[in-house]
């Protein structure tokens, strides 16, 4: 199976997101200051790589970014609040 460059970068972005989350957990739970510093450095590096992959996708036109109106943001916030309330 052949993958397009877009599919490969998208998979890399998803993987970087997961790795970043795991690094955040490891940083939060580090038992020593030395381990905390190492994990935090890894977290920062993964954050940068994730942003670079995202920026690359935007530059290539694979991901569209547009500003939202205050009304659209409020509508999304209300929807999210409703969903959270339904979980409770």
C-alpha atoms as a PDB file:
ATOM      1  CA  UNK A   1       0.000   0.000   0.000  1.00  0.00           C
ATOM      2  CA  UNK A   2       1.319   3.440  -0.903  1.00  0.00           C
ATOM      3  CA  UNK A   3       0.670   6.386   1.371  1.00  0.00           C
ATOM      4  CA  UNK A   4       0.639   9.990   0.259  1.00  0.00           C
ATOM      5  CA  UNK A   5       2.891  12.537   1.901  1.00  0.00           C
ATOM      6  CA  UNK A   6      -0.210  14.095   3.487  1.00  0.00           C
ATOM      7  CA  UNK A   7      -1.216  10.763   5.063  1.00  0.00           C
ATOM      8  CA  UNK A   8       2.290  10.163   6.391  1.00  0.00           C
ATOM      9  CA  UNK A   9       2.551  13.628   7.943  1.00  0.00           C
ATOM     10  CA  UNK A  10      -0.952  13.317   9.396  1.00  0.00           C
ATOM     11  CA  UNK A  11      -0.022   9.992  11.027  1.00  0.00           C
ATOM     12  CA  UNK A  12       3.155  11.570  12.371  1.00  0.00           C
ATOM     13  CA  UNK A  13       1.139  14.466  13.796  1.00  0.00           C
ATOM     14  CA  UNK A  14      -1.278  12.084  15.524  1.00  0.00           C
ATOM     15  CA  UNK A  15       1.638  10.086  16.938  1.00  0.00           C
ATOM     16  CA  UNK A  16       3.339  13.248  18.171  1.00  0.00           C
ATOM     17  CA  UNK A  17       0.126  14.304  19.928  1.00  0.00           C
ATOM     18  CA  UNK A  18      -0.038  10.978  21.759  1.00  0.00           C
ATOM     19  CA  UNK A  19       3.654  11.038  22.650  1.00  0.00           C
ATOM     20  CA  UNK A  20       3.322  14.599  23.946  1.00  0.00           C
ATOM     21  CA  UNK A  21       0.445  13.588  26.212  1.00  0.00           C
ATOM     22  CA  UNK A  22       2.436  10.632  27.553  1.00  0.00           C
ATOM     23  CA  UNK A  23       5.447  12.881  28.141  1.00  0.00           C
ATOM     24  CA  UNK A  24       3.216  15.314  30.037  1.00  0.00           C
ATOM     25  CA  UNK A  25       2.070  12.493  32.321  1.00  0.00           C
ATOM     26  CA  UNK A  26       5.647  11.335  32.838  1.00  0.00           C
ATOM     27  CA  UNK A  27       6.730  14.888  33.634  1.00  0.00           C
ATOM     28  CA  UNK A  28       3.928  15.335  36.167  1.00  0.00           C
ATOM     29  CA  UNK A  29       4.761  12.057  37.889  1.00  0.00           C
ATOM     30  CA  UNK A  30       8.551  12.333  37.869  1.00  0.00           C
ATOM     31  CA  UNK A  31       9.887  11.236  41.229  1.00  0.00           C
ATOM     32  CA  UNK A  32      13.097  13.239  41.219  1.00  0.00           C
ATOM     33  CA  UNK A  33      14.133  16.683  40.060  1.00  0.00           C
ATOM     34  CA  UNK A  34      16.599  15.170  37.569  1.00  0.00           C
ATOM     35  CA  UNK A  35      13.902  12.972  36.023  1.00  0.00           C
ATOM     36  CA  UNK A  36      11.496  15.915  35.959  1.00  0.00           C
ATOM     37  CA  UNK A  37      13.999  18.020  34.016  1.00  0.00           C
ATOM     38  CA  UNK A  38      14.649  15.239  31.491  1.00  0.00           C
ATOM     39  CA  UNK A  39      10.964  14.514  30.992  1.00  0.00           C
ATOM     40  CA  UNK A  40      10.131  18.201  30.720  1.00  0.00           C
ATOM     41  CA  UNK A  41      12.817  18.658  28.053  1.00  0.00           C
ATOM     42  CA  UNK A  42      11.323  15.734  26.135  1.00  0.00           C
ATOM     43  CA  UNK A  43       7.847  17.249  26.506  1.00  0.00           C
ATOM     44  CA  UNK A  44       9.092  20.584  25.136  1.00  0.00           C
ATOM     45  CA  UNK A  45      10.814  18.893  22.181  1.00  0.00           C
ATOM     46  CA  UNK A  46       7.686  16.887  21.335  1.00  0.00           C
ATOM     47  CA  UNK A  47       5.574  20.053  21.596  1.00  0.00           C
ATOM     48  CA  UNK A  48       7.851  21.782  19.105  1.00  0.00           C
ATOM     49  CA  UNK A  49       7.809  18.829  16.710  1.00  0.00           C
ATOM     50  CA  UNK A  50       4.030  18.620  16.928  1.00  0.00           C
ATOM     51  CA  UNK A  51       3.687  22.318  16.131  1.00  0.00           C
ATOM     52  CA  UNK A  52       6.165  22.028  13.260  1.00  0.00           C
ATOM     53  CA  UNK A  53       4.161  19.148  11.745  1.00  0.00           C
ATOM     54  CA  UNK A  54       0.943  21.128  12.118  1.00  0.00           C
ATOM     55  CA  UNK A  55       2.486  24.256  10.588  1.00  0.00           C
ATOM     56  CA  UNK A  56       3.796  22.153   7.681  1.00  0.00           C
ATOM     57  CA  UNK A  57       0.298  20.794   7.033  1.00  0.00           C
ATOM     58  CA  UNK A  58      -1.127  24.322   7.043  1.00  0.00           C
ATOM     59  CA  UNK A  59       1.629  25.525   4.692  1.00  0.00           C
ATOM     60  CA  UNK A  60       0.902  22.668   2.292  1.00  0.00           C
ATOM     61  CA  UNK A  61      -2.800  23.518   2.360  1.00  0.00           C
ATOM     62  CA  UNK A  62      -3.747  20.170   3.927  1.00  0.00           C
ATOM     63  CA  UNK A  63      -5.302  21.843   6.959  1.00  0.00           C
ATOM     64  CA  UNK A  64      -7.384  24.981   6.789  1.00  0.00           C
ATOM     65  CA  UNK A  65      -7.149  27.569   9.538  1.00  0.00           C
ATOM     66  CA  UNK A  66      -9.686  30.326   9.860  1.00  0.00           C
ATOM     67  CA  UNK A  67     -10.587  32.814  12.539  1.00  0.00           C
ATOM     68  CA  UNK A  68     -13.912  32.239  14.231  1.00  0.00           C
ATOM     69  CA  UNK A  69     -16.419  34.876  15.206  1.00  0.00           C
ATOM     70  CA  UNK A  70     -17.297  35.405  18.844  1.00  0.00           C
ATOM     71  CA  UNK A  71     -20.779  34.101  18.025  1.00  0.00           C
ATOM     72  CA  UNK A  72     -19.418  30.846  16.580  1.00  0.00           C
ATOM     73  CA  UNK A  73     -17.146  30.365  19.596  1.00  0.00           C
ATOM     74  CA  UNK A  74     -20.037  30.949  22.006  1.00  0.00           C
ATOM     75  CA  UNK A  75     -22.204  28.475  20.073  1.00  0.00           C
ATOM     76  CA  UNK A  76     -19.495  25.809  20.339  1.00  0.00           C
ATOM     77  CA  UNK A  77     -18.995  26.571  24.033  1.00  0.00           C
ATOM     78  CA  UNK A  78     -22.739  26.180  24.709  1.00  0.00           C
ATOM     79  CA  UNK A  79     -22.773  22.867  22.858  1.00  0.00           C
ATOM     80  CA  UNK A  80     -19.796  21.624  24.867  1.00  0.00           C
ATOM     81  CA  UNK A  81     -21.347  22.772  28.173  1.00  0.00           C
ATOM     82  CA  UNK A  82     -24.544  20.914  27.258  1.00  0.00           C
ATOM     83  CA  UNK A  83     -22.603  17.735  26.482  1.00  0.00           C
ATOM     84  CA  UNK A  84     -20.696  18.002  29.773  1.00  0.00           C
ATOM     85  CA  UNK A  85     -23.936  18.543  31.697  1.00  0.00           C
ATOM     86  CA  UNK A  86     -25.430  15.441  30.070  1.00  0.00           C
ATOM     87  CA  UNK A  87     -22.481  13.373  31.301  1.00  0.00           C
ATOM     88  CA  UNK A  88     -23.097  14.395  34.914  1.00  0.00           C
END
